[in-house]
Amino acid sequence: MCGRYAASRRPEDLVVEFEAVPAEGQQPLPADYNVAPTKDVYVVRTKRERDPEGSPTGAGHRELRSVRWGLVPSWAKDVSVGNRLLNARVESLTEKPAFRAAARSRRCLVPADGWYEWQKRLDSPGKQPFFITPADGSVLAMAGLYEVWGKGEDRLYTCTVVTAPATGALTEIHDRMPLVLPRERWADWLDPARDDVETLAAPTPPELVEALELRPVGTAVNNVRNNGAELLTRVEGTSAPADQPALF
């Protein structure tokens, strides 16, 4: 699953990284090293363009937009349903009513520095948190879905993170992982004309998984009120999973 992640990049950098245009009228989000459900987060989506009369032109562009994490389908009676729709399992994207419409035409990318996962300790009570991030410091693009709830000025944009079975060394920490997409798959995932969801949601390439650092971090991240870059600091003396070389 993906229930917590870090997103510290400035919007000015994200629009360059993802070749996007910032949404109009939004205040920039602060760096967040402990992103939790129901917080506002950045997504990259394809925005359909309209002419001065409001009719679709058939064109579109990538837009960087802040939305609330926790998907609220357009047909939901109230927004509280979003508290339960933080993740969308890739195996049932086209089956579950909450996700299938968005999976066909409202896909997005969720930029992140990395995500947190917890591994059960063998030598002591509790769980060891890990920060999972590209070893080279590059941005992660997690596959997501977005929805628009309400009308007019009361419209609420929300998102969910798509998850898949964990692979490689990640399986020693948790059995699920975000569906992380390599750059060469961003355009296809964002294309609303593509409805071959199973093809678009193919597993994260092994080489991308192998390039991730599985970094043990302190338990301060367990509390959503804690924030700051210090949450990403490696805890010395804690071993990485067997298949993962320790990166210092």
C-alpha atoms as a PDB file:
ATOM      1  CA  MET A   1       0.000   0.000   0.000  1.00  0.00           C
ATOM      2  CA  CYS A   2       0.993   3.645   0.050  1.00  0.00           C
ATOM      3  CA  GLY A   3      -0.226   5.479   3.130  1.00  0.00           C
ATOM      4  CA  ARG A   4       2.550   8.012   3.648  1.00  0.00           C
ATOM      5  CA  TYR A   5       5.128   9.653   1.413  1.00  0.00           C
ATOM      6  CA  ALA A   6       7.422  12.676   1.056  1.00  0.00           C
ATOM      7  CA  ALA A   7       7.047  15.471  -1.495  1.00  0.00           C
ATOM      8  CA  SER A   8       9.484  18.336  -1.067  1.00  0.00           C
ATOM      9  CA  ARG A   9       9.967  19.623  -4.622  1.00  0.00           C
ATOM     10  CA  ARG A  10       8.894  23.155  -5.494  1.00  0.00           C
ATOM     11  CA  PRO A  11       6.107  23.598  -8.056  1.00  0.00           C
ATOM     12  CA  GLU A  12       8.547  25.584 -10.195  1.00  0.00           C
ATOM     13  CA  ASP A  13      10.718  22.481 -10.448  1.00  0.00           C
ATOM     14  CA  LEU A  14       7.833  20.055 -10.968  1.00  0.00           C
ATOM     15  CA  VAL A  15       6.439  21.942 -13.964  1.00  0.00           C
ATOM     16  CA  VAL A  16       9.845  21.651 -15.617  1.00  0.00           C
ATOM     17  CA  GLU A  17      10.309  17.987 -14.661  1.00  0.00           C
ATOM     18  CA  PHE A  18       6.877  16.983 -15.960  1.00  0.00           C
ATOM     19  CA  GLU A  19       6.596  19.547 -18.773  1.00  0.00           C
ATOM     20  CA  ALA A  20       3.407  20.873 -17.222  1.00  0.00           C
ATOM     21  CA  VAL A  21       1.601  24.176 -16.706  1.00  0.00           C
ATOM     22  CA  PRO A  22       0.606  25.215 -13.164  1.00  0.00           C
ATOM     23  CA  ALA A  23      -3.132  25.349 -12.481  1.00  0.00           C
ATOM     24  CA  GLU A  24      -4.466  28.890 -12.218  1.00  0.00           C
ATOM     25  CA  GLY A  25      -5.407  30.434  -8.905  1.00  0.00           C
ATOM     26  CA  GLN A  26      -3.686  27.954  -6.590  1.00  0.00           C
ATOM     27  CA  GLN A  27      -1.276  28.746  -3.787  1.00  0.00           C
ATOM     28  CA  PRO A  28       1.966  26.715  -3.796  1.00  0.00           C
ATOM     29  CA  LEU A  29       2.094  23.760  -1.420  1.00  0.00           C
ATOM     30  CA  PRO A  30       4.910  23.709   1.142  1.00  0.00           C
ATOM     31  CA  ALA A  31       7.490  20.946   1.203  1.00  0.00           C
ATOM     32  CA  ASP A  32       5.983  17.997   3.068  1.00  0.00           C
ATOM     33  CA  TYR A  33       8.136  15.166   4.388  1.00  0.00           C
ATOM     34  CA  ASN A  34       5.208  13.297   5.955  1.00  0.00           C
ATOM     35  CA  VAL A  35       2.340  13.446   3.475  1.00  0.00           C
ATOM     36  CA  ALA A  36      -0.702  11.760   5.001  1.00  0.00           C
ATOM     37  CA  PRO A  37      -4.166  10.952   3.662  1.00  0.00           C
ATOM     38  CA  THR A  38      -6.615  13.889   3.187  1.00  0.00           C
ATOM     39  CA  LYS A  39      -3.743  16.369   2.763  1.00  0.00           C
ATOM     40  CA  ASP A  40      -3.460  18.475  -0.370  1.00  0.00           C
ATOM     41  CA  VAL A  41      -0.902  17.035  -2.788  1.00  0.00           C
ATOM     42  CA  TYR A  42       0.329  17.728  -6.301  1.00  0.00           C
ATOM     43  CA  VAL A  43      -0.728  15.671  -9.291  1.00  0.00           C
ATOM     44  CA  VAL A  44       0.029  15.999 -12.978  1.00  0.00           C
ATOM     45  CA  ARG A  45      -2.966  15.438 -15.243  1.00  0.00           C
ATOM     46  CA  THR A  46      -4.028  16.150 -18.816  1.00  0.00           C
ATOM     47  CA  LYS A  47      -6.327  19.170 -18.902  1.00  0.00           C
ATOM     48  CA  ARG A  48      -8.671  19.303 -21.862  1.00  0.00           C
ATOM     49  CA  GLU A  49      -8.620  22.697 -23.550  1.00  0.00           C
ATOM     50  CA  ARG A  50     -11.764  24.674 -24.415  1.00  0.00           C
ATOM     51  CA  ASP A  51     -12.497  27.565 -26.736  1.00  0.00           C
ATOM     52  CA  PRO A  52     -13.829  30.951 -25.509  1.00  0.00           C
ATOM     53  CA  GLU A  53     -17.377  29.568 -25.699  1.00  0.00           C
ATOM     54  CA  GLY A  54     -16.488  26.666 -23.441  1.00  0.00           C
ATOM     55  CA  SER A  55     -16.564  23.931 -26.076  1.00  0.00           C
ATOM     56  CA  PRO A  56     -13.786  21.281 -26.126  1.00  0.00           C
ATOM     57  CA  THR A  57     -11.147  21.914 -28.775  1.00  0.00           C
ATOM     58  CA  GLY A  58      -9.807  18.363 -28.782  1.00  0.00           C
ATOM     59  CA  ALA A  59      -6.433  19.571 -27.549  1.00  0.00           C
ATOM     60  CA  GLY A  60      -4.950  19.274 -24.079  1.00  0.00           C
ATOM     61  CA  HIS A  61      -1.881  19.987 -21.995  1.00  0.00           C
ATOM     62  CA  ARG A  62      -0.272  18.698 -18.821  1.00  0.00           C
ATOM     63  CA  GLU A  63      -1.364  20.568 -15.715  1.00  0.00           C
ATOM     64  CA  LEU A  64       0.228  20.581 -12.263  1.00  0.00           C
ATOM     65  CA  ARG A  65      -2.655  20.851  -9.784  1.00  0.00           C
ATOM     66  CA  SER A  66      -3.024  20.514  -6.046  1.00  0.00           C
ATOM     67  CA  VAL A  67      -5.798  18.078  -5.052  1.00  0.00           C
ATOM     68  CA  ARG A  68      -6.881  16.298  -1.886  1.00  0.00           C
ATOM     69  CA  TRP A  69      -5.528  12.794  -1.315  1.00  0.00           C
ATOM     70  CA  GLY A  70      -8.493  10.435  -0.975  1.00  0.00           C
ATOM     71  CA  LEU A  71     -10.646   9.839  -4.059  1.00  0.00           C
ATOM     72  CA  VAL A  72     -14.230  11.134  -4.011  1.00  0.00           C
ATOM     73  CA  PRO A  73     -16.137   9.767  -7.029  1.00  0.00           C
ATOM     74  CA  SER A  74     -18.397  12.250  -8.799  1.00  0.00           C
ATOM     75  CA  TRP A  75     -21.467  10.224  -7.749  1.00  0.00           C
ATOM     76  CA  ALA A  76     -20.606  10.112  -4.045  1.00  0.00           C
ATOM     77  CA  LYS A  77     -23.198  11.575  -1.678  1.00  0.00           C
ATOM     78  CA  ASP A  78     -20.544  13.285   0.448  1.00  0.00           C
ATOM     79  CA  VAL A  79     -16.781  13.687   0.555  1.00  0.00           C
ATOM     80  CA  SER A  80     -16.219  11.392   3.546  1.00  0.00           C
ATOM     81  CA  VAL A  81     -15.919   8.402   1.201  1.00  0.00           C
ATOM     82  CA  GLY A  82     -12.517   9.766   0.209  1.00  0.00           C
ATOM     83  CA  ASN A  83     -11.130   8.841   3.622  1.00  0.00           C
ATOM     84  CA  ARG A  84     -11.330   5.181   2.559  1.00  0.00           C
ATOM     85  CA  LEU A  85     -10.153   5.509  -1.060  1.00  0.00           C
ATOM     86  CA  LEU A  86      -6.503   6.377  -0.574  1.00  0.00           C
ATOM     87  CA  ASN A  87      -5.210   3.546  -2.736  1.00  0.00           C
ATOM     88  CA  ALA A  88      -6.599   1.762  -5.793  1.00  0.00           C
ATOM     89  CA  ARG A  89      -5.442  -1.805  -6.355  1.00  0.00           C
ATOM     90  CA  VAL A  90      -4.232  -2.296  -9.916  1.00  0.00           C
ATOM     91  CA  GLU A  91      -5.906  -5.703 -10.069  1.00  0.00           C
ATOM     92  CA  SER A  92      -9.397  -4.183  -9.793  1.00  0.00           C
ATOM     93  CA  LEU A  93      -9.096  -0.771 -11.450  1.00  0.00           C
ATOM     94  CA  THR A  94     -11.615  -1.607 -14.155  1.00  0.00           C
ATOM     95  CA  GLU A  95     -13.996  -3.488 -11.859  1.00  0.00           C
ATOM     96  CA  LYS A  96     -14.641  -1.384  -8.763  1.00  0.00           C
ATOM     97  CA  PRO A  97     -17.274   1.333  -9.304  1.00  0.00           C
ATOM     98  CA  ALA A  98     -15.205   3.867  -7.352  1.00  0.00           C
ATOM     99  CA  PHE A  99     -12.263   3.571  -9.762  1.00  0.00           C
ATOM    100  CA  ARG A 100     -13.308   2.245 -13.163  1.00  0.00           C
ATOM    101  CA  ALA A 101     -14.446   5.539 -14.742  1.00  0.00           C
ATOM    102  CA  ALA A 102     -11.343   7.411 -13.590  1.00  0.00           C
ATOM    103  CA  ALA A 103      -9.108   4.518 -14.670  1.00  0.00           C
ATOM    104  CA  ARG A 104     -10.348   4.904 -18.227  1.00  0.00           C
ATOM    105  CA  SER A 105      -9.974   8.651 -18.657  1.00  0.00           C
ATOM    106  CA  ARG A 106      -8.879  10.501 -15.503  1.00  0.00           C
ATOM    107  CA  ARG A 107      -5.418   9.156 -14.796  1.00  0.00           C
ATOM    108  CA  CYS A 108      -2.700  11.266 -13.236  1.00  0.00           C
ATOM    109  CA  LEU A 109       0.846  11.119 -11.899  1.00  0.00           C
ATOM    110  CA  VAL A 110       1.608  11.773  -8.235  1.00  0.00           C
ATOM    111  CA  PRO A 111       5.123  13.239  -7.862  1.00  0.00           C
ATOM    112  CA  ALA A 112       7.051  12.119  -4.783  1.00  0.00           C
ATOM    113  CA  ASP A 113      10.545  12.008  -3.330  1.00  0.00           C
ATOM    114  CA  GLY A 114       9.758   8.524  -2.073  1.00  0.00           C
ATOM    115  CA  TRP A 115       7.302   6.668   0.132  1.00  0.00           C
ATOM    116  CA  TYR A 116       7.347   5.142   3.607  1.00  0.00           C
ATOM    117  CA  GLU A 117       6.686   1.533   4.478  1.00  0.00           C
ATOM    118  CA  TRP A 118       6.891  -0.378   7.743  1.00  0.00           C
ATOM    119  CA  GLN A 119       8.547  -3.761   8.336  1.00  0.00           C
ATOM    120  CA  LYS A 120       7.840  -5.946  11.359  1.00  0.00           C
ATOM    121  CA  ARG A 121      10.896  -6.155  13.624  1.00  0.00           C
ATOM    122  CA  LEU A 122      12.269  -9.616  14.393  1.00  0.00           C
ATOM    123  CA  ASP A 123      14.377  -8.620  17.387  1.00  0.00           C
ATOM    124  CA  SER A 124      12.046  -6.203  19.195  1.00  0.00           C
ATOM    125  CA  PRO A 125       8.400  -5.094  19.365  1.00  0.00           C
ATOM    126  CA  GLY A 126       6.994  -2.696  16.813  1.00  0.00           C
ATOM    127  CA  LYS A 127       7.862  -2.011  13.199  1.00  0.00           C
ATOM    128  CA  GLN A 128      10.854  -0.463  11.457  1.00  0.00           C
ATOM    129  CA  PRO A 129       9.960   2.369   9.060  1.00  0.00           C
ATOM    130  CA  PHE A 130      11.746   2.556   5.706  1.00  0.00           C
ATOM    131  CA  PHE A 131      11.915   5.443   3.265  1.00  0.00           C
ATOM    132  CA  ILE A 132      11.937   4.063  -0.270  1.00  0.00           C
ATOM    133  CA  THR A 133      13.418   6.489  -2.757  1.00  0.00           C
ATOM    134  CA  PRO A 134      15.473   6.579  -5.989  1.00  0.00           C
ATOM    135  CA  ALA A 135      19.119   6.150  -5.067  1.00  0.00           C
ATOM    136  CA  ASP A 136      20.081   8.882  -7.529  1.00  0.00           C
ATOM    137  CA  GLY A 137      17.734  11.449  -5.963  1.00  0.00           C
ATOM    138  CA  SER A 138      15.419  11.687  -8.963  1.00  0.00           C
ATOM    139  CA  VAL A 139      11.682  12.244  -8.685  1.00  0.00           C
ATOM    140  CA  LEU A 140       9.227   9.344  -8.432  1.00  0.00           C
ATOM    141  CA  ALA A 141       6.049   9.355 -10.506  1.00  0.00           C
ATOM    142  CA  MET A 142       3.404   7.216  -8.832  1.00  0.00           C
ATOM    143  CA  ALA A 143       0.421   6.247 -10.962  1.00  0.00           C
ATOM    144  CA  GLY A 144      -2.786   7.834  -9.736  1.00  0.00           C
ATOM    145  CA  LEU A 145      -6.409   8.533 -10.577  1.00  0.00           C
ATOM    146  CA  TYR A 146      -8.283  11.780 -10.028  1.00  0.00           C
ATOM    147  CA  GLU A 147     -11.909  12.809  -9.776  1.00  0.00           C
ATOM    148  CA  VAL A 148     -13.919  16.027  -9.615  1.00  0.00           C
ATOM    149  CA  TRP A 149     -16.775  16.194  -7.107  1.00  0.00           C
ATOM    150  CA  GLY A 150     -19.390  18.936  -7.016  1.00  0.00           C
ATOM    151  CA  LYS A 151     -19.998  21.821  -9.393  1.00  0.00           C
ATOM    152  CA  GLY A 152     -18.924  25.406  -9.956  1.00  0.00           C
ATOM    153  CA  GLU A 153     -16.859  27.039  -7.248  1.00  0.00           C
ATOM    154  CA  ASP A 154     -17.581  24.119  -4.909  1.00  0.00           C
ATOM    155  CA  ARG A 155     -15.759  21.596  -7.084  1.00  0.00           C
ATOM    156  CA  LEU A 156     -13.350  19.389  -5.185  1.00  0.00           C
ATOM    157  CA  TYR A 157     -10.443  17.681  -6.951  1.00  0.00           C
ATOM    158  CA  THR A 158      -9.235  14.477  -5.307  1.00  0.00           C
ATOM    159  CA  CYS A 159      -6.863  11.621  -6.099  1.00  0.00           C
ATOM    160  CA  THR A 160      -5.855   8.097  -5.189  1.00  0.00           C
ATOM    161  CA  VAL A 161      -2.530   6.269  -5.587  1.00  0.00           C
ATOM    162  CA  VAL A 162      -2.539   3.053  -7.628  1.00  0.00           C
ATOM    163  CA  THR A 163      -0.836   0.126  -5.885  1.00  0.00           C
ATOM    164  CA  ALA A 164       0.493  -3.190  -7.182  1.00  0.00           C
ATOM    165  CA  PRO A 165       2.098  -6.345  -5.769  1.00  0.00           C
ATOM    166  CA  ALA A 166       5.578  -5.595  -4.447  1.00  0.00           C
ATOM    167  CA  THR A 167       8.555  -6.959  -6.355  1.00  0.00           C
ATOM    168  CA  GLY A 168      12.243  -7.541  -5.703  1.00  0.00           C
ATOM    169  CA  ALA A 169      13.661  -6.520  -2.335  1.00  0.00           C
ATOM    170  CA  LEU A 170      10.479  -4.578  -1.562  1.00  0.00           C
ATOM    171  CA  THR A 171       8.684  -7.842  -0.805  1.00  0.00           C
ATOM    172  CA  GLU A 172      10.719  -8.167   2.394  1.00  0.00           C
ATOM    173  CA  ILE A 173       9.144  -4.981   3.725  1.00  0.00           C
ATOM    174  CA  HIS A 174       5.553  -5.127   2.465  1.00  0.00           C
ATOM    175  CA  ASP A 175       3.506  -7.102  -0.053  1.00  0.00           C
ATOM    176  CA  ARG A 176       2.261  -3.958  -1.846  1.00  0.00           C
ATOM    177  CA  MET A 177       3.927  -0.957  -3.472  1.00  0.00           C
ATOM    178  CA  PRO A 178       2.837   2.105  -5.440  1.00  0.00           C
ATOM    179  CA  LEU A 179       2.745   1.533  -9.198  1.00  0.00           C
ATOM    180  CA  VAL A 180       5.799   3.629 -10.107  1.00  0.00           C
ATOM    181  CA  LEU A 181       5.999   4.605 -13.760  1.00  0.00           C
ATOM    182  CA  PRO A 182       9.232   5.280 -15.675  1.00  0.00           C
ATOM    183  CA  ARG A 183       9.416   8.500 -17.664  1.00  0.00           C
ATOM    184  CA  GLU A 184       8.833   6.740 -20.992  1.00  0.00           C
ATOM    185  CA  ARG A 185       5.372   5.645 -19.783  1.00  0.00           C
ATOM    186  CA  TRP A 186       4.172   9.008 -18.459  1.00  0.00           C
ATOM    187  CA  ALA A 187       2.630  10.215 -21.730  1.00  0.00           C
ATOM    188  CA  ASP A 188       0.625   7.032 -22.294  1.00  0.00           C
ATOM    189  CA  TRP A 189      -0.681   6.962 -18.727  1.00  0.00           C
ATOM    190  CA  LEU A 190      -1.806  10.596 -19.003  1.00  0.00           C
ATOM    191  CA  ASP A 191      -3.449  10.184 -22.418  1.00  0.00           C
ATOM    192  CA  PRO A 192      -7.249  10.268 -21.833  1.00  0.00           C
ATOM    193  CA  ALA A 193      -7.787   8.717 -25.264  1.00  0.00           C
ATOM    194  CA  ARG A 194      -6.132   5.500 -24.129  1.00  0.00           C
ATOM    195  CA  ASP A 195      -8.550   3.117 -22.432  1.00  0.00           C
ATOM    196  CA  ASP A 196      -6.442  -0.054 -22.473  1.00  0.00           C
ATOM    197  CA  VAL A 197      -5.996   0.141 -18.734  1.00  0.00           C
ATOM    198  CA  GLU A 198      -4.403  -3.272 -18.267  1.00  0.00           C
ATOM    199  CA  THR A 199      -1.629  -2.401 -20.729  1.00  0.00           C
ATOM    200  CA  LEU A 200      -1.074   1.036 -19.224  1.00  0.00           C
ATOM    201  CA  ALA A 201      -0.907  -0.424 -15.711  1.00  0.00           C
ATOM    202  CA  ALA A 202       1.830  -2.956 -16.458  1.00  0.00           C
ATOM    203  CA  PRO A 203       4.163  -3.636 -13.502  1.00  0.00           C
ATOM    204  CA  THR A 204       6.955  -1.269 -12.562  1.00  0.00           C
ATOM    205  CA  PRO A 205      10.066  -2.332 -14.529  1.00  0.00           C
ATOM    206  CA  PRO A 206      12.537  -4.425 -12.480  1.00  0.00           C
ATOM    207  CA  GLU A 207      15.399  -2.052 -13.224  1.00  0.00           C
ATOM    208  CA  LEU A 208      13.463   0.829 -11.661  1.00  0.00           C
ATOM    209  CA  VAL A 209      12.805  -1.223  -8.523  1.00  0.00           C
ATOM    210  CA  GLU A 210      16.457  -2.247  -8.342  1.00  0.00           C
ATOM    211  CA  ALA A 211      17.458   1.440  -8.451  1.00  0.00           C
ATOM    212  CA  LEU A 212      15.509   2.235  -5.282  1.00  0.00           C
ATOM    213  CA  GLU A 213      17.195   2.779  -1.937  1.00  0.00           C
ATOM    214  CA  LEU A 214      15.438   1.092   0.989  1.00  0.00           C
ATOM    215  CA  ARG A 215      16.507   3.416   3.759  1.00  0.00           C
ATOM    216  CA  PRO A 216      15.712   2.629   7.412  1.00  0.00           C
ATOM    217  CA  VAL A 217      14.591   5.805   9.185  1.00  0.00           C
ATOM    218  CA  GLY A 218      13.532   6.797  12.684  1.00  0.00           C
ATOM    219  CA  THR A 219      10.116   6.210  14.204  1.00  0.00           C
ATOM    220  CA  ALA A 220       9.334   9.940  14.327  1.00  0.00           C
ATOM    221  CA  VAL A 221       7.628   9.473  10.953  1.00  0.00           C
ATOM    222  CA  ASN A 222       5.001   7.323  12.681  1.00  0.00           C
ATOM    223  CA  ASN A 223       3.363  10.503  13.990  1.00  0.00           C
ATOM    224  CA  VAL A 224       1.751  12.529  11.182  1.00  0.00           C
ATOM    225  CA  ARG A 225       2.322  15.715  13.175  1.00  0.00           C
ATOM    226  CA  ASN A 226       6.070  15.330  12.727  1.00  0.00           C
ATOM    227  CA  ASN A 227       7.521  16.883   9.599  1.00  0.00           C
ATOM    228  CA  GLY A 228      10.850  18.047   8.238  1.00  0.00           C
ATOM    229  CA  ALA A 229      13.794  16.716   6.246  1.00  0.00           C
ATOM    230  CA  GLU A 230      15.185  15.000   9.354  1.00  0.00           C
ATOM    231  CA  LEU A 231      12.532  12.303   8.906  1.00  0.00           C
ATOM    232  CA  LEU A 232      14.513  11.063   5.904  1.00  0.00           C
ATOM    233  CA  THR A 233      17.739  10.553   7.860  1.00  0.00           C
ATOM    234  CA  ARG A 234      19.103   7.009   7.809  1.00  0.00           C
ATOM    235  CA  VAL A 235      19.108   5.204  11.139  1.00  0.00           C
ATOM    236  CA  GLU A 236      22.546   3.692  11.595  1.00  0.00           C
ATOM    237  CA  GLY A 237      22.849   0.101  12.726  1.00  0.00           C
ATOM    238  CA  THR A 238      19.657  -1.016  10.993  1.00  0.00           C
ATOM    239  CA  SER A 239      20.039  -3.480   8.145  1.00  0.00           C
ATOM    240  CA  ALA A 240      18.416  -3.120   4.762  1.00  0.00           C
ATOM    241  CA  PRO A 241      16.615  -6.175   3.337  1.00  0.00           C
ATOM    242  CA  ALA A 242      18.939  -8.937   2.209  1.00  0.00           C
ATOM    243  CA  ASP A 243      18.575  -8.263  -1.535  1.00  0.00           C
ATOM    244  CA  GLN A 244      19.160  -4.547  -1.069  1.00  0.00           C
ATOM    245  CA  PRO A 245      22.714  -3.229  -0.644  1.00  0.00           C
ATOM    246  CA  ALA A 246      23.078  -0.679   2.123  1.00  0.00           C
ATOM    247  CA  LEU A 247      23.513   2.790   0.613  1.00  0.00           C
ATOM    248  CA  PHE A 248      25.280   5.375   2.741  1.00  0.00           C
END
